[in-house]
C-alpha atoms as a PDB file:
ATOM      1  CA  UNK A   1      -7.870   4.907   0.380  1.00  0.00           C
ATOM      2  CA  UNK A   2      -6.627   1.474   0.601  1.00  0.00           C
ATOM      3  CA  UNK A   3      -2.886   0.440   0.772  1.00  0.00           C
ATOM      4  CA  UNK A   4      -1.499  -2.807  -0.468  1.00  0.00           C
ATOM      5  CA  UNK A   5      -1.672  -5.615   2.050  1.00  0.00           C
ATOM      6  CA  UNK A   6       1.062  -7.288   0.399  1.00  0.00           C
ATOM      7  CA  UNK A   7       2.683  -4.243   1.742  1.00  0.00           C
ATOM      8  CA  UNK A   8       1.051  -1.772   1.980  1.00  0.00           C
ATOM      9  CA  UNK A   9      -1.492  -0.343   2.166  1.00  0.00           C
ATOM     10  CA  UNK A  10      -0.909  -2.202   2.393  1.00  0.00           C
ATOM     11  CA  UNK A  11       1.779  -4.655   3.540  1.00  0.00           C
ATOM     12  CA  UNK A  12       2.208  -8.355   4.364  1.00  0.00           C
ATOM     13  CA  UNK A  13       2.591  -9.405   7.875  1.00  0.00           C
ATOM     14  CA  UNK A  14       6.122  -8.164   9.267  1.00  0.00           C
ATOM     15  CA  UNK A  15       8.989  -9.946  11.109  1.00  0.00           C
ATOM     16  CA  UNK A  16      11.313  -7.577  12.647  1.00  0.00           C
ATOM     17  CA  UNK A  17      14.745  -9.518  13.660  1.00  0.00           C
ATOM     18  CA  UNK A  18      17.545  -7.904  15.638  1.00  0.00           C
ATOM     19  CA  UNK A  19      20.231  -6.430  13.583  1.00  0.00           C
ATOM     20  CA  UNK A  20      22.951  -8.720  13.492  1.00  0.00           C
ATOM     21  CA  UNK A  21      26.799  -8.371  12.427  1.00  0.00           C
ATOM     22  CA  UNK A  22      26.077 -10.520   9.446  1.00  0.00           C
ATOM     23  CA  UNK A  23      23.171  -8.605   8.213  1.00  0.00           C
ATOM     24  CA  UNK A  24      21.510 -11.879   6.703  1.00  0.00           C
ATOM     25  CA  UNK A  25      18.257 -11.080   4.875  1.00  0.00           C
ATOM     26  CA  UNK A  26      15.015 -11.958   7.059  1.00  0.00           C
ATOM     27  CA  UNK A  27      12.046 -13.994   5.711  1.00  0.00           C
ATOM     28  CA  UNK A  28      10.067 -10.999   5.697  1.00  0.00           C
ATOM     29  CA  UNK A  29      11.243  -7.302   5.788  1.00  0.00           C
ATOM     30  CA  UNK A  30      10.305  -4.416   7.892  1.00  0.00           C
ATOM     31  CA  UNK A  31       8.359  -2.467   5.990  1.00  0.00           C
ATOM     32  CA  UNK A  32       7.990   1.503   5.805  1.00  0.00           C
ATOM     33  CA  UNK A  33       5.920   3.799   3.790  1.00  0.00           C
ATOM     34  CA  UNK A  34       7.715   6.815   3.286  1.00  0.00           C
ATOM     35  CA  UNK A  35       5.612   9.841   2.144  1.00  0.00           C
ATOM     36  CA  UNK A  36       7.599  11.583  -0.639  1.00  0.00           C
ATOM     37  CA  UNK A  37       5.027  14.285  -0.746  1.00  0.00           C
ATOM     38  CA  UNK A  38       1.429  14.949   0.042  1.00  0.00           C
ATOM     39  CA  UNK A  39       0.717  16.314  -3.106  1.00  0.00           C
ATOM     40  CA  UNK A  40      -0.970  14.463  -5.882  1.00  0.00           C
ATOM     41  CA  UNK A  41      -2.312  14.740  -9.603  1.00  0.00           C
ATOM     42  CA  UNK A  42      -5.496  13.038  -8.685  1.00  0.00           C
ATOM     43  CA  UNK A  43      -8.270  13.724  -6.408  1.00  0.00           C
ATOM     44  CA  UNK A  44      -9.708  10.245  -5.318  1.00  0.00           C
ATOM     45  CA  UNK A  45     -12.702  10.088  -3.157  1.00  0.00           C
ATOM     46  CA  UNK A  46     -11.628   7.299  -1.299  1.00  0.00           C
ATOM     47  CA  UNK A  47      -8.344   9.191  -0.128  1.00  0.00           C
ATOM     48  CA  UNK A  48      -8.730  10.463   3.387  1.00  0.00           C
ATOM     49  CA  UNK A  49      -5.154  12.415   3.573  1.00  0.00           C
ATOM     50  CA  UNK A  50      -4.596  15.875   3.552  1.00  0.00           C
ATOM     51  CA  UNK A  51      -2.491  17.001   0.095  1.00  0.00           C
ATOM     52  CA  UNK A  52      -1.814  20.689   1.303  1.00  0.00           C
ATOM     53  CA  UNK A  53      -0.579  22.420   4.075  1.00  0.00           C
ATOM     54  CA  UNK A  54       2.351  20.383   4.559  1.00  0.00           C
ATOM     55  CA  UNK A  55       5.609  20.581   2.596  1.00  0.00           C
ATOM     56  CA  UNK A  56       7.746  18.131   0.565  1.00  0.00           C
ATOM     57  CA  UNK A  57      10.262  16.363   2.999  1.00  0.00           C
ATOM     58  CA  UNK A  58      13.805  17.620   3.247  1.00  0.00           C
ATOM     59  CA  UNK A  59      16.403  15.271   2.034  1.00  0.00           C
ATOM     60  CA  UNK A  60      17.801  15.549   5.697  1.00  0.00           C
ATOM     61  CA  UNK A  61      14.559  14.067   7.054  1.00  0.00           C
ATOM     62  CA  UNK A  62      14.747  11.044   4.638  1.00  0.00           C
ATOM     63  CA  UNK A  63      18.534  10.215   5.500  1.00  0.00           C
ATOM     64  CA  UNK A  64      17.507  10.189   9.305  1.00  0.00           C
ATOM     65  CA  UNK A  65      14.282   8.201   8.585  1.00  0.00           C
ATOM     66  CA  UNK A  66      16.619   5.439   6.399  1.00  0.00           C
ATOM     67  CA  UNK A  67      19.186   5.626   9.377  1.00  0.00           C
ATOM     68  CA  UNK A  68      16.438   4.823  11.770  1.00  0.00           C
ATOM     69  CA  UNK A  69      15.102   1.698   9.891  1.00  0.00           C
ATOM     70  CA  UNK A  70      18.666   0.548   8.979  1.00  0.00           C
ATOM     71  CA  UNK A  71      19.875   0.474  12.655  1.00  0.00           C
ATOM     72  CA  UNK A  72      16.409  -1.119  13.624  1.00  0.00           C
ATOM     73  CA  UNK A  73      16.324  -4.116  11.492  1.00  0.00           C
ATOM     74  CA  UNK A  74      18.419  -6.042   9.364  1.00  0.00           C
ATOM     75  CA  UNK A  75      16.367  -6.235   6.286  1.00  0.00           C
ATOM     76  CA  UNK A  76      14.253  -3.314   5.053  1.00  0.00           C
ATOM     77  CA  UNK A  77      11.735  -2.458   2.489  1.00  0.00           C
ATOM     78  CA  UNK A  78      11.350   1.148   1.740  1.00  0.00           C
ATOM     79  CA  UNK A  79       7.600   1.704   0.109  1.00  0.00           C
ATOM     80  CA  UNK A  80       7.883   5.116  -1.718  1.00  0.00           C
ATOM     81  CA  UNK A  81       4.224   6.666  -1.378  1.00  0.00           C
ATOM     82  CA  UNK A  82       2.464   9.826  -1.422  1.00  0.00           C
ATOM     83  CA  UNK A  83       0.348  11.646  -2.762  1.00  0.00           C
ATOM     84  CA  UNK A  84       1.988  10.454  -6.081  1.00  0.00           C
ATOM     85  CA  UNK A  85       5.793   9.770  -5.258  1.00  0.00           C
ATOM     86  CA  UNK A  86       6.620  10.511  -8.888  1.00  0.00           C
ATOM     87  CA  UNK A  87       6.083  14.146  -8.671  1.00  0.00           C
ATOM     88  CA  UNK A  88       9.153  13.857  -6.476  1.00  0.00           C
ATOM     89  CA  UNK A  89      11.415  11.453  -8.521  1.00  0.00           C
ATOM     90  CA  UNK A  90      14.470  13.379  -7.373  1.00  0.00           C
ATOM     91  CA  UNK A  91      13.847  12.529  -3.838  1.00  0.00           C
ATOM     92  CA  UNK A  92      12.835   9.036  -4.851  1.00  0.00           C
ATOM     93  CA  UNK A  93      16.413   8.793  -6.456  1.00  0.00           C
ATOM     94  CA  UNK A  94      17.903  10.615  -3.475  1.00  0.00           C
ATOM     95  CA  UNK A  95      16.846   7.842  -0.992  1.00  0.00           C
ATOM     96  CA  UNK A  96      17.834   5.009  -3.011  1.00  0.00           C
ATOM     97  CA  UNK A  97      21.386   6.686  -3.767  1.00  0.00           C
ATOM     98  CA  UNK A  98      21.646   7.207   0.004  1.00  0.00           C
ATOM     99  CA  UNK A  99      20.992   3.800   1.071  1.00  0.00           C
ATOM    100  CA  UNK A 100      23.586   2.473  -1.578  1.00  0.00           C
ATOM    101  CA  UNK A 101      26.490   4.549  -0.319  1.00  0.00           C
ATOM    102  CA  UNK A 102      25.732   4.482   3.027  1.00  0.00           C
ATOM    103  CA  UNK A 103      24.822   0.853   3.584  1.00  0.00           C
ATOM    104  CA  UNK A 104      26.622  -0.840   0.764  1.00  0.00           C
ATOM    105  CA  UNK A 105      25.840  -4.597   0.920  1.00  0.00           C
ATOM    106  CA  UNK A 106      22.805  -4.710   3.174  1.00  0.00           C
ATOM    107  CA  UNK A 107      19.627  -6.160   2.003  1.00  0.00           C
ATOM    108  CA  UNK A 108      16.944  -3.527   1.178  1.00  0.00           C
ATOM    109  CA  UNK A 109      13.890  -3.739  -0.995  1.00  0.00           C
ATOM    110  CA  UNK A 110      12.079  -1.140  -2.732  1.00  0.00           C
ATOM    111  CA  UNK A 111       8.183  -0.742  -3.676  1.00  0.00           C
ATOM    112  CA  UNK A 112       6.883   2.238  -5.094  1.00  0.00           C
ATOM    113  CA  UNK A 113       2.865   3.133  -5.501  1.00  0.00           C
ATOM    114  CA  UNK A 114       2.142   5.245  -8.409  1.00  0.00           C
ATOM    115  CA  UNK A 115      -1.259   6.250 -10.308  1.00  0.00           C
ATOM    116  CA  UNK A 116       1.067   5.618 -13.688  1.00  0.00           C
ATOM    117  CA  UNK A 117       0.338   8.814 -14.946  1.00  0.00           C
ATOM    118  CA  UNK A 118       4.076  10.152 -14.565  1.00  0.00           C
ATOM    119  CA  UNK A 119       5.840   6.581 -15.881  1.00  0.00           C
ATOM    120  CA  UNK A 120       7.547   8.101 -18.785  1.00  0.00           C
ATOM    121  CA  UNK A 121      10.280   5.617 -20.426  1.00  0.00           C
ATOM    122  CA  UNK A 122      13.349   7.355 -18.743  1.00  0.00           C
ATOM    123  CA  UNK A 123      11.658   6.794 -15.125  1.00  0.00           C
ATOM    124  CA  UNK A 124      10.579   3.310 -15.847  1.00  0.00           C
ATOM    125  CA  UNK A 125      14.453   2.540 -16.978  1.00  0.00           C
ATOM    126  CA  UNK A 126      15.710   4.064 -13.862  1.00  0.00           C
ATOM    127  CA  UNK A 127      13.224   1.872 -11.596  1.00  0.00           C
ATOM    128  CA  UNK A 128      14.396  -1.326 -13.138  1.00  0.00           C
ATOM    129  CA  UNK A 129      17.928  -0.412 -13.142  1.00  0.00           C
ATOM    130  CA  UNK A 130      17.694   0.125  -9.280  1.00  0.00           C
ATOM    131  CA  UNK A 131      15.454  -3.007  -8.625  1.00  0.00           C
ATOM    132  CA  UNK A 132      12.455  -0.720  -7.526  1.00  0.00           C
ATOM    133  CA  UNK A 133       9.086  -2.846  -7.707  1.00  0.00           C
ATOM    134  CA  UNK A 134       6.243  -1.125  -9.278  1.00  0.00           C
ATOM    135  CA  UNK A 135       2.766  -1.225  -7.722  1.00  0.00           C
ATOM    136  CA  UNK A 136       0.261   0.470 -10.062  1.00  0.00           C
ATOM    137  CA  UNK A 137      -3.114   2.043  -8.648  1.00  0.00           C
ATOM    138  CA  UNK A 138      -6.034   1.579 -11.120  1.00  0.00           C
ATOM    139  CA  UNK A 139      -9.412   0.388  -9.851  1.00  0.00           C
ATOM    140  CA  UNK A 140     -10.928  -0.944 -13.266  1.00  0.00           C
ATOM    141  CA  UNK A 141     -12.852   0.196 -15.996  1.00  0.00           C
ATOM    142  CA  UNK A 142     -13.133   4.007 -16.663  1.00  0.00           C
ATOM    143  CA  UNK A 143     -17.276   3.855 -16.155  1.00  0.00           C
ATOM    144  CA  UNK A 144     -16.456   2.206 -12.730  1.00  0.00           C
ATOM    145  CA  UNK A 145     -13.840   4.274 -11.393  1.00  0.00           C
ATOM    146  CA  UNK A 146     -14.201   7.809 -13.305  1.00  0.00           C
ATOM    147  CA  UNK A 147     -16.349   9.536 -10.809  1.00  0.00           C
ATOM    148  CA  UNK A 148     -14.098   9.470  -7.820  1.00  0.00           C
ATOM    149  CA  UNK A 149     -10.545   9.234  -9.558  1.00  0.00           C
ATOM    150  CA  UNK A 150     -10.561  12.751 -10.763  1.00  0.00           C
ATOM    151  CA  UNK A 151      -7.468  14.490 -12.275  1.00  0.00           C
ATOM    152  CA  UNK A 152      -6.532  17.891 -10.654  1.00  0.00           C
ATOM    153  CA  UNK A 153      -5.937  19.746 -13.550  1.00  0.00           C
ATOM    154  CA  UNK A 154      -6.660  18.392 -17.113  1.00  0.00           C
ATOM    155  CA  UNK A 155      -8.969  15.815 -19.044  1.00  0.00           C
ATOM    156  CA  UNK A 156     -10.082  12.891 -16.765  1.00  0.00           C
ATOM    157  CA  UNK A 157     -10.788  10.524 -19.648  1.00  0.00           C
ATOM    158  CA  UNK A 158      -7.291  11.283 -20.973  1.00  0.00           C
ATOM    159  CA  UNK A 159      -5.639  10.807 -17.734  1.00  0.00           C
ATOM    160  CA  UNK A 160      -7.346   7.133 -17.565  1.00  0.00           C
ATOM    161  CA  UNK A 161      -6.000   6.584 -21.014  1.00  0.00           C
ATOM    162  CA  UNK A 162      -2.469   7.434 -20.179  1.00  0.00           C
ATOM    163  CA  UNK A 163      -2.510   5.271 -17.639  1.00  0.00           C
ATOM    164  CA  UNK A 164      -3.616   2.200 -19.453  1.00  0.00           C
ATOM    165  CA  UNK A 165      -1.060   3.197 -21.903  1.00  0.00           C
ATOM    166  CA  UNK A 166       1.871   3.102 -19.461  1.00  0.00           C
ATOM    167  CA  UNK A 167       0.532  -0.202 -18.169  1.00  0.00           C
ATOM    168  CA  UNK A 168       0.348  -1.735 -21.497  1.00  0.00           C
ATOM    169  CA  UNK A 169       4.050  -0.279 -21.998  1.00  0.00           C
ATOM    170  CA  UNK A 170       5.363  -2.120 -18.874  1.00  0.00           C
ATOM    171  CA  UNK A 171       3.592  -5.358 -20.154  1.00  0.00           C
ATOM    172  CA  UNK A 172       5.009  -5.042 -23.493  1.00  0.00           C
ATOM    173  CA  UNK A 173       8.662  -4.196 -22.059  1.00  0.00           C
ATOM    174  CA  UNK A 174       8.353  -7.363 -19.528  1.00  0.00           C
ATOM    175  CA  UNK A 175       8.785  -4.740 -16.745  1.00  0.00           C
ATOM    176  CA  UNK A 176       7.878  -6.591 -13.201  1.00  0.00           C
ATOM    177  CA  UNK A 177       4.532  -4.633 -11.945  1.00  0.00           C
ATOM    178  CA  UNK A 178       1.538  -5.484 -10.252  1.00  0.00           C
ATOM    179  CA  UNK A 179      -1.832  -3.802  -9.781  1.00  0.00           C
ATOM    180  CA  UNK A 180      -3.713  -2.668  -6.776  1.00  0.00           C
ATOM    181  CA  UNK A 181      -7.232  -2.202  -7.291  1.00  0.00           C
ATOM    182  CA  UNK A 182      -9.144  -0.620  -4.495  1.00  0.00           C
ATOM    183  CA  UNK A 183     -12.664  -1.884  -4.131  1.00  0.00           C
ATOM    184  CA  UNK A 184     -14.986   0.379  -2.532  1.00  0.00           C
ATOM    185  CA  UNK A 185     -18.586  -0.620  -1.286  1.00  0.00           C
ATOM    186  CA  UNK A 186     -20.244   1.031  -3.733  1.00  0.00           C
ATOM    187  CA  UNK A 187     -18.718  -0.944  -6.515  1.00  0.00           C
ATOM    188  CA  UNK A 188     -17.940  -4.099  -5.034  1.00  0.00           C
ATOM    189  CA  UNK A 189     -20.462  -5.664  -7.102  1.00  0.00           C
ATOM    190  CA  UNK A 190     -18.440  -4.929 -10.311  1.00  0.00           C
ATOM    191  CA  UNK A 191     -15.292  -6.494  -9.224  1.00  0.00           C
ATOM    192  CA  UNK A 192     -15.193  -9.421 -11.558  1.00  0.00           C
ATOM    193  CA  UNK A 193     -15.864  -6.864 -14.635  1.00  0.00           C
ATOM    194  CA  UNK A 194     -13.068  -4.635 -13.466  1.00  0.00           C
ATOM    195  CA  UNK A 195     -10.638  -7.483 -12.954  1.00  0.00           C
ATOM    196  CA  UNK A 196     -11.295  -8.641 -16.595  1.00  0.00           C
ATOM    197  CA  UNK A 197     -10.632  -5.219 -17.949  1.00  0.00           C
ATOM    198  CA  UNK A 198      -6.936  -5.084 -16.306  1.00  0.00           C
ATOM    199  CA  UNK A 199      -6.375  -8.435 -18.135  1.00  0.00           C
ATOM    200  CA  UNK A 200      -7.062  -6.869 -21.251  1.00  0.00           C
ATOM    201  CA  UNK A 201      -4.024  -4.319 -20.585  1.00  0.00           C
ATOM    202  CA  UNK A 202      -1.823  -7.398 -20.233  1.00  0.00           C
ATOM    203  CA  UNK A 203      -1.660  -7.050 -16.448  1.00  0.00           C
ATOM    204  CA  UNK A 204      -0.623 -10.437 -14.718  1.00  0.00           C
ATOM    205  CA  UNK A 205      -1.087  -9.804 -10.877  1.00  0.00           C
ATOM    206  CA  UNK A 206      -3.498  -7.914  -9.402  1.00  0.00           C
ATOM    207  CA  UNK A 207      -4.300  -7.343  -5.552  1.00  0.00           C
ATOM    208  CA  UNK A 208      -8.076  -6.608  -4.829  1.00  0.00           C
ATOM    209  CA  UNK A 209      -7.816  -4.185  -1.729  1.00  0.00           C
ATOM    210  CA  UNK A 210     -10.966  -3.133  -0.150  1.00  0.00           C
ATOM    211  CA  UNK A 211     -11.358   0.626   0.690  1.00  0.00           C
ATOM    212  CA  UNK A 212      -9.731   1.325   4.266  1.00  0.00           C
ATOM    213  CA  UNK A 213     -11.984   3.599   5.959  1.00  0.00           C
ATOM    214  CA  UNK A 214     -15.152   2.536   3.864  1.00  0.00           C
ATOM    215  CA  UNK A 215     -18.426   1.688   5.671  1.00  0.00           C
ATOM    216  CA  UNK A 216     -18.666  -1.976   4.971  1.00  0.00           C
ATOM    217  CA  UNK A 217     -21.934  -2.994   6.179  1.00  0.00           C
ATOM    218  CA  UNK A 218     -23.304  -6.216   5.924  1.00  0.00           C
ATOM    219  CA  UNK A 219     -24.603  -5.889   2.121  1.00  0.00           C
ATOM    220  CA  UNK A 220     -21.219  -4.328   1.099  1.00  0.00           C
ATOM    221  CA  UNK A 221     -19.307  -7.065   2.903  1.00  0.00           C
ATOM    222  CA  UNK A 222     -21.337  -9.729   1.038  1.00  0.00           C
ATOM    223  CA  UNK A 223     -20.558  -8.166  -2.065  1.00  0.00           C
ATOM    224  CA  UNK A 224     -16.826  -7.923  -1.816  1.00  0.00           C
ATOM    225  CA  UNK A 225     -16.674 -11.494  -0.452  1.00  0.00           C
ATOM    226  CA  UNK A 226     -18.846 -12.904  -3.406  1.00  0.00           C
ATOM    227  CA  UNK A 227     -16.856 -10.831  -5.997  1.00  0.00           C
ATOM    228  CA  UNK A 228     -13.446 -12.101  -4.476  1.00  0.00           C
ATOM    229  CA  UNK A 229     -14.578 -15.875  -4.510  1.00  0.00           C
ATOM    230  CA  UNK A 230     -15.842 -15.428  -8.138  1.00  0.00           C
ATOM    231  CA  UNK A 231     -12.571 -13.535  -9.298  1.00  0.00           C
ATOM    232  CA  UNK A 232     -10.479 -16.531  -7.484  1.00  0.00           C
ATOM    233  CA  UNK A 233     -12.473 -19.377  -8.933  1.00  0.00           C
ATOM    234  CA  UNK A 234     -12.985 -17.889 -12.417  1.00  0.00           C
ATOM    235  CA  UNK A 235      -9.714 -15.926 -13.290  1.00  0.00           C
ATOM    236  CA  UNK A 236      -6.912 -16.988 -11.020  1.00  0.00           C
ATOM    237  CA  UNK A 237      -4.625 -19.318 -12.781  1.00  0.00           C
ATOM    238  CA  UNK A 238      -1.045 -20.177 -11.565  1.00  0.00           C
ATOM    239  CA  UNK A 239       1.657 -19.192 -13.556  1.00  0.00           C
ATOM    240  CA  UNK A 240      -0.359 -17.080 -15.862  1.00  0.00           C
ATOM    241  CA  UNK A 241      -2.555 -14.595 -13.879  1.00  0.00           C
ATOM    242  CA  UNK A 242      -2.208 -14.051 -10.006  1.00  0.00           C
ATOM    243  CA  UNK A 243      -4.909 -12.909  -7.483  1.00  0.00           C
ATOM    244  CA  UNK A 244      -2.490 -11.761  -5.028  1.00  0.00           C
ATOM    245  CA  UNK A 245      -4.796 -11.761  -1.931  1.00  0.00           C
ATOM    246  CA  UNK A 246      -3.264 -13.830   0.715  1.00  0.00           C
ATOM    247  CA  UNK A 247      -5.282 -14.850   4.199  1.00  0.00           C
ATOM    248  CA  UNK A 248      -1.955 -13.919   6.228  1.00  0.00           C
ATOM    249  CA  UNK A 249      -2.221 -10.219   5.088  1.00  0.00           C
ATOM    250  CA  UNK A 250      -5.763  -9.992   6.979  1.00  0.00           C
ATOM    251  CA  UNK A 251      -7.184  -7.817   8.188  1.00  0.00           C
ATOM    252  CA  UNK A 252      -4.972  -5.379   6.861  1.00  0.00           C
ATOM    253  CA  UNK A 253      -5.493  -2.803   9.452  1.00  0.00           C
ATOM    254  CA  UNK A 254      -3.840  -5.393  11.944  1.00  0.00           C
ATOM    255  CA  UNK A 255      -0.410  -5.688   9.977  1.00  0.00           C
ATOM    256  CA  UNK A 256       2.823  -4.277  11.345  1.00  0.00           C
ATOM    257  CA  UNK A 257       4.155  -1.671   9.325  1.00  0.00           C
ATOM    258  CA  UNK A 258       5.474   2.080   9.581  1.00  0.00           C
ATOM    259  CA  UNK A 259       4.733   5.131   8.071  1.00  0.00           C
ATOM    260  CA  UNK A 260       7.041   7.992   7.769  1.00  0.00           C
ATOM    261  CA  UNK A 261       5.424  11.560   7.113  1.00  0.00           C
ATOM    262  CA  UNK A 262       6.793  14.177   5.355  1.00  0.00           C
ATOM    263  CA  UNK A 263       7.511  16.359   8.593  1.00  0.00           C
ATOM    264  CA  UNK A 264       9.393  13.413  10.146  1.00  0.00           C
ATOM    265  CA  UNK A 265       6.311  11.809  12.396  1.00  0.00           C
ATOM    266  CA  UNK A 266       6.381   8.127  12.557  1.00  0.00           C
ATOM    267  CA  UNK A 267       3.223   6.194  12.740  1.00  0.00           C
ATOM    268  CA  UNK A 268       2.760   2.451  12.695  1.00  0.00           C
ATOM    269  CA  UNK A 269      -0.055   0.788  10.798  1.00  0.00           C
ATOM    270  CA  UNK A 270      -2.026   2.076   7.950  1.00  0.00           C
ATOM    271  CA  UNK A 271      -1.666   5.835   9.322  1.00  0.00           C
ATOM    272  CA  UNK A 272      -1.891   8.974   7.808  1.00  0.00           C
ATOM    273  CA  UNK A 273      -4.032   7.832   4.313  1.00  0.00           C
ATOM    274  CA  UNK A 274      -7.274   7.956   6.922  1.00  0.00           C
ATOM    275  CA  UNK A 275      -5.967  11.067   9.017  1.00  0.00           C
ATOM    276  CA  UNK A 276      -9.105  13.195   7.865  1.00  0.00           C
ATOM    277  CA  UNK A 277     -11.679  10.495   7.841  1.00  0.00           C
ATOM    278  CA  UNK A 278     -10.756   8.707  11.177  1.00  0.00           C
ATOM    279  CA  UNK A 279      -8.682  10.982  13.230  1.00  0.00           C
ATOM    280  CA  UNK A 280      -8.750   9.155  16.490  1.00  0.00           C
ATOM    281  CA  UNK A 281      -7.586   6.228  14.779  1.00  0.00           C
ATOM    282  CA  UNK A 282      -4.872   8.124  13.127  1.00  0.00           C
ATOM    283  CA  UNK A 283      -3.652   9.373  16.513  1.00  0.00           C
ATOM    284  CA  UNK A 284      -3.544   5.959  17.869  1.00  0.00           C
ATOM    285  CA  UNK A 285      -1.004   4.815  15.300  1.00  0.00           C
ATOM    286  CA  UNK A 286       1.655   7.784  16.394  1.00  0.00           C
ATOM    287  CA  UNK A 287       5.067   6.791  17.662  1.00  0.00           C
ATOM    288  CA  UNK A 288       6.788  10.006  17.593  1.00  0.00           C
ATOM    289  CA  UNK A 289       9.064  12.365  15.853  1.00  0.00           C
ATOM    290  CA  UNK A 290      12.332  11.026  14.270  1.00  0.00           C
ATOM    291  CA  UNK A 291      14.317  12.964  16.942  1.00  0.00           C
ATOM    292  CA  UNK A 292      12.657  11.028  19.692  1.00  0.00           C
ATOM    293  CA  UNK A 293      12.703   7.855  18.336  1.00  0.00           C
ATOM    294  CA  UNK A 294      16.085   5.606  18.338  1.00  0.00           C
ATOM    295  CA  UNK A 295      14.702   2.173  17.290  1.00  0.00           C
ATOM    296  CA  UNK A 296      11.268   0.941  15.900  1.00  0.00           C
ATOM    297  CA  UNK A 297      11.574  -2.168  17.866  1.00  0.00           C
ATOM    298  CA  UNK A 298       9.651  -1.202  20.968  1.00  0.00           C
ATOM    299  CA  UNK A 299       6.620  -0.082  18.742  1.00  0.00           C
ATOM    300  CA  UNK A 300       6.255  -3.479  17.034  1.00  0.00           C
ATOM    301  CA  UNK A 301       3.114  -5.131  17.757  1.00  0.00           C
ATOM    302  CA  UNK A 302       1.513  -8.457  17.251  1.00  0.00           C
ATOM    303  CA  UNK A 303      -1.643  -8.480  14.691  1.00  0.00           C
ATOM    304  CA  UNK A 304      -3.887  -9.294  17.640  1.00  0.00           C
ATOM    305  CA  UNK A 305      -2.134  -6.418  20.046  1.00  0.00           C
ATOM    306  CA  UNK A 306      -2.307  -3.952  17.057  1.00  0.00           C
ATOM    307  CA  UNK A 307      -5.950  -4.957  16.225  1.00  0.00           C
ATOM    308  CA  UNK A 308      -7.176  -4.739  19.710  1.00  0.00           C
ATOM    309  CA  UNK A 309      -5.236  -1.677  20.502  1.00  0.00           C
ATOM    310  CA  UNK A 310      -6.581   0.293  17.675  1.00  0.00           C
ATOM    311  CA  UNK A 311     -10.068  -0.836  18.399  1.00  0.00           C
ATOM    312  CA  UNK A 312      -9.742   0.143  22.301  1.00  0.00           C
ATOM    313  CA  UNK A 313      -7.888   3.677  21.747  1.00  0.00           C
ATOM    314  CA  UNK A 314     -10.846   4.351  18.977  1.00  0.00           C
ATOM    315  CA  UNK A 315     -13.871   3.369  20.814  1.00  0.00           C
ATOM    316  CA  UNK A 316     -13.887   6.907  22.184  1.00  0.00           C
ATOM    317  CA  UNK A 317     -15.144   8.302  18.781  1.00  0.00           C
ATOM    318  CA  UNK A 318     -18.302   6.326  17.700  1.00  0.00           C
ATOM    319  CA  UNK A 319     -17.986   7.397  14.179  1.00  0.00           C
ATOM    320  CA  UNK A 320     -14.287   5.963  14.074  1.00  0.00           C
ATOM    321  CA  UNK A 321     -14.937   3.115  15.858  1.00  0.00           C
ATOM    322  CA  UNK A 322     -17.789   1.814  13.791  1.00  0.00           C
ATOM    323  CA  UNK A 323     -15.958   2.274  10.745  1.00  0.00           C
ATOM    324  CA  UNK A 324     -12.921   0.441  12.173  1.00  0.00           C
ATOM    325  CA  UNK A 325     -14.992  -2.443  13.396  1.00  0.00           C
ATOM    326  CA  UNK A 326     -16.396  -2.792   9.930  1.00  0.00           C
ATOM    327  CA  UNK A 327     -13.012  -2.910   8.131  1.00  0.00           C
ATOM    328  CA  UNK A 328     -11.879  -5.417  10.709  1.00  0.00           C
ATOM    329  CA  UNK A 329     -15.153  -7.459  10.284  1.00  0.00           C
ATOM    330  CA  UNK A 330     -14.500  -7.661   6.669  1.00  0.00           C
ATOM    331  CA  UNK A 331     -10.516  -8.492   7.082  1.00  0.00           C
ATOM    332  CA  UNK A 332     -11.707 -11.515   9.175  1.00  0.00           C
ATOM    333  CA  UNK A 333     -14.029 -12.764   6.644  1.00  0.00           C
ATOM    334  CA  UNK A 334     -11.979 -12.462   3.751  1.00  0.00           C
ATOM    335  CA  UNK A 335      -9.195 -14.233   5.884  1.00  0.00           C
ATOM    336  CA  UNK A 336     -11.534 -17.122   6.683  1.00  0.00           C
ATOM    337  CA  UNK A 337     -12.664 -17.209   2.836  1.00  0.00           C
ATOM    338  CA  UNK A 338      -9.435 -17.271   1.487  1.00  0.00           C
ATOM    339  CA  UNK A 339      -8.424 -20.038   3.974  1.00  0.00           C
ATOM    340  CA  UNK A 340     -11.153 -22.272   3.219  1.00  0.00           C
ATOM    341  CA  UNK A 341     -10.641 -21.865  -0.647  1.00  0.00           C
ATOM    342  CA  UNK A 342      -7.004 -22.688   0.204  1.00  0.00           C
ATOM    343  CA  UNK A 343      -5.960 -19.608  -1.807  1.00  0.00           C
ATOM    344  CA  UNK A 344      -2.572 -18.125  -1.094  1.00  0.00           C
ATOM    345  CA  UNK A 345      -0.623 -15.462  -3.075  1.00  0.00           C
ATOM    346  CA  UNK A 346       2.678 -16.859  -4.965  1.00  0.00           C
ATOM    347  CA  UNK A 347       5.659 -16.992  -2.665  1.00  0.00           C
ATOM    348  CA  UNK A 348       3.513 -17.393   0.633  1.00  0.00           C
ATOM    349  CA  UNK A 349       4.765 -20.063   2.916  1.00  0.00           C
ATOM    350  CA  UNK A 350       2.651 -23.433   2.776  1.00  0.00           C
END
């Protein structure tokens, strides 16, 4: 699985500021992936987290998590995540409403990652009304992604059609959204084809997120880098169609973000989504339980510190270490390529 690097899977580099009386907006918010459920209506082959055996969070757990981040930083982005978070739309509403009631006037941003199957009109209306940015997860044409994005109960091809219809609805209504396209080592050579297909749906912003936890050997890295270059050169148009990849977000696994699990466990980095595939890496990201943590500040690391720390901790597990190294290797190559091309996402500082 890949968490958007904008944010989140993967999130952009984070700057945490000490909390001040004025609560002025920071240049970059503190990001927290909030897992509203482990359950999902899809079974994606590149998603390496457990989807059963852990109940959805209690509302009190979400409130304590919000309180932790609101007292730790002056500007926060809550990235509502899962599983499929819209399976618990009630918790989406509860979290946003709790922040509004408890912290009026504080700068808070919201982002939700969804596979789009449940984006009914009334849900879209609510998300728009509450300034929740929508990040859609779709990986290209049905032929390219159908064999590993499988509907848990129902017609897989029909589910793909529904997702595409909901994306077209967002476009037709002018609802801000962007697409996170997970690129696996197996389909890296179809990147241009898949992005072109997304453009036919009216999508204006696409982030090409390489699969975290995938084995990116030299041929796979070369295919991804070649595809990324072609997509930027052939499809990126300022003001018309954006490839959101940014050198500042690489390597993704070095970005400073947090993840709050459904049971109140707190992690840093892109944790949880790799727990079954890379358990040693997942262990290295653990911060503690909510009742043990007063502030997230002591867990802040620079990108270099986080990268070297994860590698050092994971080295004791040859399987995890080999995969982690391949992911970091690709990340640094992507950073180098984007820098050389002079490519930056809209809104990035010069």
